[in-house]
Amino acid sequence: MANIKAVVFDLYGTLFNVHSVVEHCERHYPGRGAEISHLWRHKQLEYTWLRSLMGQYVPFEQATRDALDYVTRHLSLDLDAATAEALHEAYLNLDPHPEVPQALQALQQTGLPLAVLSNGSAFSIRRVVEAAGLAPHFSHLLSVESVGVYKPHPRVYELACHTLGAAPQDILFVSSNGWDAAGAAHFGFEVCWVNRQGAAFESLGATPAHTLDSIAELPALLGTRPA
């Protein structure tokens, strides 16, 4: 770890719990909250990948809205404008995973710059991070919108290198999404996969250098770096 010059985090799922919207979904659709949230996230990701393949980039908020529209139609649920707006607003106010605030504070003691690299738009990233009071921990909040394609496209990972002035192997990339961790490893980052669910890693021809159960373990990992 002595070569690491910066730590770059994925946002959705890694730092923030995307399923903190369950209670909001449940409020509008009693008994269906968890089902809606999980399918919504699945389609949201699918639509970002399909948009990238089609060369038809749209902002993350639009992909999220389109995914919710699909989910409610698929489940034969009514979605009026007020409900749609309330659920989209909930996605801008996600809860961080419980260990994240303390871990980020500890990571600042390493002296390494911390950054976010996310599929979110610049607006959505800033809203989510600022709402949780975590913005002061980060030197950069990087959005895919500046390259017009979604992760795991290599252009997204290149954005971190260009912004931070570091080679891929000098960046520790942290993600709880296996597909993202695999894409980052293929690109050349040193990758830390946060495997909160005890899942099997994706069979995509690349593996993470480190696997942790929680971001709470990350400061100790980086703390082993020689001064």
Protein backbone atom coordinates (compact mmCIF):
# COMPACT_ATOMS: atom_id res chain seq x y z
CA MET A 1 0.00 0.00 0.00
CA ALA A 2 3.04 2.31 0.14
CA ASN A 3 2.42 3.49 -3.44
CA ILE A 4 -1.14 4.68 -2.83
CA LYS A 5 -1.54 8.41 -3.43
CA ALA A 6 -5.34 8.77 -3.22
CA VAL A 7 -8.47 6.87 -2.21
CA VAL A 8 -11.47 7.01 -4.54
CA PHE A 9 -14.90 5.79 -3.47
CA ASP A 10 -17.96 4.70 -5.35
CA LEU A 11 -21.01 6.44 -3.89
CA TYR A 12 -24.22 4.44 -4.36
CA GLY A 13 -24.18 1.23 -2.35
CA THR A 14 -20.61 1.79 -1.13
CA LEU A 15 -20.83 4.92 1.00
CA PHE A 16 -24.62 5.26 0.94
CA ASN A 17 -27.35 2.67 1.39
CA VAL A 18 -29.48 2.77 -1.75
CA HIS A 19 -32.15 0.77 0.05
CA SER A 20 -32.72 3.47 2.63
CA VAL A 21 -35.55 4.40 0.23
CA VAL A 22 -37.46 1.29 1.31
CA GLU A 23 -39.37 3.14 4.01
CA HIS A 24 -40.39 5.82 1.51
CA CYS A 25 -41.55 3.20 -0.99
CA GLU A 26 -43.42 1.42 1.80
CA ARG A 27 -45.20 4.63 2.76
CA HIS A 28 -46.64 4.98 -0.72
CA TYR A 29 -47.06 1.28 -1.50
CA PRO A 30 -47.68 -0.62 1.76
CA GLY A 31 -46.25 -4.12 1.76
CA ARG A 32 -44.25 -3.52 -1.42
CA GLY A 33 -41.41 -1.25 -0.22
CA ALA A 34 -38.51 -3.73 -0.29
CA GLU A 35 -39.68 -5.27 -3.57
CA ILE A 36 -39.88 -1.86 -5.24
CA SER A 37 -36.52 -0.69 -3.90
CA HIS A 38 -34.59 -3.76 -5.03
CA LEU A 39 -36.14 -3.86 -8.49
CA TRP A 40 -35.72 -0.10 -8.83
CA ARG A 41 -31.99 -0.36 -8.11
CA HIS A 42 -31.63 -3.31 -10.50
CA LYS A 43 -33.31 -1.46 -13.36
CA GLN A 44 -31.45 1.77 -12.58
CA LEU A 45 -28.12 -0.01 -13.06
CA GLU A 46 -29.37 -1.87 -16.12
CA TYR A 47 -30.48 1.37 -17.74
CA THR A 48 -27.09 3.03 -17.15
CA TRP A 49 -25.34 0.08 -18.81
CA LEU A 50 -27.80 -0.01 -21.72
CA ARG A 51 -27.55 3.74 -22.23
CA SER A 52 -23.77 3.41 -22.38
CA LEU A 53 -23.96 0.61 -24.94
CA MET A 54 -26.43 2.59 -27.05
CA GLY A 55 -24.29 5.73 -26.89
CA GLN A 56 -27.33 7.54 -25.49
CA TYR A 57 -26.19 9.11 -22.23
CA VAL A 58 -28.83 10.72 -20.04
CA PRO A 59 -28.28 12.20 -16.57
CA PHE A 60 -28.43 9.76 -13.66
CA GLU A 61 -31.64 11.37 -12.41
CA GLN A 62 -33.34 10.53 -15.71
CA ALA A 63 -32.13 6.93 -15.60
CA THR A 64 -33.46 6.70 -12.05
CA ARG A 65 -36.83 8.17 -13.06
CA ASP A 66 -37.07 5.83 -16.05
CA ALA A 67 -36.29 2.85 -13.83
CA LEU A 68 -39.01 3.79 -11.34
CA ASP A 69 -41.49 4.24 -14.19
CA TYR A 70 -40.68 0.73 -15.42
CA VAL A 71 -40.92 -0.81 -11.94
CA THR A 72 -44.34 0.60 -11.19
CA ARG A 73 -45.67 -0.47 -14.59
CA HIS A 74 -44.12 -3.93 -14.18
CA LEU A 75 -45.75 -4.32 -10.76
CA SER A 76 -49.05 -2.81 -11.97
CA LEU A 77 -48.83 0.07 -9.49
CA ASP A 78 -50.12 3.58 -10.07
CA LEU A 79 -47.45 6.28 -10.08
CA ASP A 80 -48.77 9.81 -9.90
CA ALA A 81 -46.57 12.88 -10.25
CA ALA A 82 -46.51 13.63 -6.51
CA THR A 83 -45.45 10.09 -5.58
CA ALA A 84 -42.78 10.02 -8.28
CA GLU A 85 -41.37 13.33 -7.04
CA ALA A 86 -41.36 12.16 -3.41
CA LEU A 87 -39.48 8.96 -4.26
CA HIS A 88 -36.98 10.77 -6.48
CA GLU A 89 -36.34 13.23 -3.66
CA ALA A 90 -35.71 10.27 -1.32
CA TYR A 91 -32.92 9.16 -3.66
CA LEU A 92 -31.24 12.52 -3.10
CA ASN A 93 -31.31 12.00 0.68
CA LEU A 94 -29.92 8.50 1.11
CA ASP A 95 -28.52 7.39 4.45
CA PRO A 96 -24.79 6.66 4.68
CA HIS A 97 -23.91 3.18 5.89
CA PRO A 98 -23.52 3.42 9.68
CA GLU A 99 -19.74 3.02 9.75
CA VAL A 100 -19.01 5.54 7.00
CA PRO A 101 -18.80 8.91 8.85
CA GLN A 102 -16.34 7.63 11.46
CA ALA A 103 -14.29 5.74 8.88
CA LEU A 104 -13.94 8.81 6.65
CA GLN A 105 -12.83 10.87 9.61
CA ALA A 106 -10.19 8.26 10.44
CA LEU A 107 -9.06 8.06 6.81
CA GLN A 108 -8.29 11.76 6.78
CA GLN A 109 -5.55 11.02 9.30
CA THR A 110 -3.64 9.18 6.55
CA GLY A 111 -3.12 12.48 4.74
CA LEU A 112 -4.34 10.94 1.48
CA PRO A 113 -6.86 12.85 -0.63
CA LEU A 114 -10.30 11.23 -0.63
CA ALA A 115 -12.59 11.47 -3.65
CA VAL A 116 -15.91 10.19 -4.93
CA LEU A 117 -16.27 8.77 -8.45
CA SER A 118 -19.91 8.07 -9.18
CA ASN A 119 -22.48 7.37 -11.87
CA GLY A 120 -24.50 10.15 -10.28
CA SER A 121 -24.68 13.61 -11.80
CA ALA A 122 -22.68 16.39 -10.20
CA PHE A 123 -25.95 17.68 -8.74
CA SER A 124 -27.06 14.35 -7.27
CA ILE A 125 -23.62 13.53 -5.84
CA ARG A 126 -23.35 16.87 -4.09
CA ARG A 127 -26.92 16.69 -2.78
CA VAL A 128 -26.44 13.22 -1.29
CA VAL A 129 -23.03 13.96 0.23
CA GLU A 130 -23.96 17.37 1.60
CA ALA A 131 -27.28 16.15 3.05
CA ALA A 132 -25.30 13.62 5.11
CA GLY A 133 -22.74 16.24 6.20
CA LEU A 134 -19.85 14.34 4.59
CA ALA A 135 -18.71 16.86 1.96
CA PRO A 136 -15.77 18.20 4.03
CA HIS A 137 -14.07 14.80 3.85
CA PHE A 138 -13.63 14.88 0.07
CA SER A 139 -11.24 16.80 -2.14
CA HIS A 140 -13.19 15.90 -5.31
CA LEU A 141 -16.73 14.77 -6.17
CA LEU A 142 -16.39 13.32 -9.68
CA SER A 143 -19.34 12.58 -11.93
CA VAL A 144 -19.55 10.50 -15.10
CA GLU A 145 -21.47 13.33 -16.76
CA SER A 146 -18.18 14.99 -17.71
CA VAL A 147 -17.32 11.99 -19.93
CA GLY A 148 -20.87 11.12 -21.04
CA VAL A 149 -20.78 7.41 -20.26
CA TYR A 150 -21.39 5.28 -17.19
CA LYS A 151 -19.16 2.95 -15.19
CA PRO A 152 -17.61 0.51 -15.82
CA HIS A 153 -16.41 2.26 -19.00
CA PRO A 154 -12.65 2.96 -18.77
CA ARG A 155 -13.18 6.67 -19.54
CA VAL A 156 -14.84 7.05 -16.16
CA TYR A 157 -11.88 5.59 -14.28
CA GLU A 158 -9.50 7.71 -16.38
CA LEU A 159 -11.31 10.76 -15.03
CA ALA A 160 -10.03 9.98 -11.53
CA CYS A 161 -6.46 9.63 -12.77
CA HIS A 162 -6.58 12.92 -14.67
CA THR A 163 -8.17 14.82 -11.81
CA LEU A 164 -5.91 13.45 -9.08
CA GLY A 165 -2.74 13.42 -11.18
CA ALA A 166 -2.05 9.79 -10.30
CA ALA A 167 -1.41 6.60 -12.24
CA PRO A 168 -4.07 3.86 -11.94
CA GLN A 169 -1.87 1.68 -9.74
CA ASP A 170 -1.40 4.60 -7.33
CA ILE A 171 -5.15 4.92 -6.63
CA LEU A 172 -7.04 2.72 -4.19
CA PHE A 173 -10.56 2.37 -5.55
CA VAL A 174 -13.23 1.31 -3.06
CA SER A 175 -16.58 -0.14 -4.13
CA SER A 176 -19.19 -2.51 -2.76
CA ASN A 177 -20.49 -3.22 -6.28
CA GLY A 178 -18.78 -6.28 -7.72
CA TRP A 179 -19.23 -5.17 -11.34
CA ASP A 180 -17.65 -1.79 -10.49
CA ALA A 181 -14.77 -3.39 -8.58
CA ALA A 182 -14.11 -5.69 -11.55
CA GLY A 183 -14.17 -2.79 -14.01
CA ALA A 184 -11.81 -0.78 -11.85
CA ALA A 185 -9.43 -3.73 -11.49
CA HIS A 186 -9.41 -4.24 -15.26
CA PHE A 187 -8.55 -0.55 -15.62
CA GLY A 188 -5.56 -0.95 -13.34
CA PHE A 189 -6.62 0.52 -9.99
CA GLU A 190 -5.70 -1.20 -6.76
CA VAL A 191 -9.19 -2.25 -5.75
CA CYS A 192 -10.82 -2.78 -2.39
CA TRP A 193 -14.15 -4.60 -2.56
CA VAL A 194 -16.47 -3.97 0.40
CA ASN A 195 -18.44 -7.21 0.59
CA ARG A 196 -21.08 -6.46 3.22
CA GLN A 197 -23.36 -9.28 2.09
CA GLY A 198 -20.81 -12.10 1.95
CA ALA A 199 -21.45 -12.48 -1.79
CA ALA A 200 -19.42 -14.31 -4.42
CA PHE A 201 -17.33 -11.98 -6.58
CA GLU A 202 -18.29 -11.44 -10.22
CA SER A 203 -16.69 -13.74 -12.81
CA LEU A 204 -15.43 -10.97 -15.07
CA GLY A 205 -11.74 -11.82 -15.36
CA ALA A 206 -10.46 -9.50 -12.64
CA THR A 207 -10.37 -9.70 -8.86
CA PRO A 208 -9.93 -7.10 -6.10
CA ALA A 209 -6.62 -6.77 -4.30
CA HIS A 210 -8.44 -6.46 -0.98
CA THR A 211 -11.82 -7.64 0.31
CA LEU A 212 -13.31 -6.14 3.45
CA ASP A 213 -16.57 -6.73 5.30
CA SER A 214 -17.00 -3.02 6.04
CA ILE A 215 -15.48 0.37 5.31
CA ALA A 216 -14.72 0.48 9.04
CA GLU A 217 -11.78 -1.85 8.25
CA LEU A 218 -10.28 0.49 5.66
CA PRO A 219 -8.37 2.88 7.97
CA ALA A 220 -6.46 -0.03 9.49
CA LEU A 221 -5.60 -1.32 6.00
CA LEU A 222 -4.23 2.05 4.96
CA GLY A 223 -2.64 2.60 8.34
CA THR A 224 -0.15 -0.15 7.54
CA ARG A 225 1.46 2.12 4.91
CA PRO A 226 5.05 3.09 5.72
CA ALA A 227 5.48 6.77 6.63
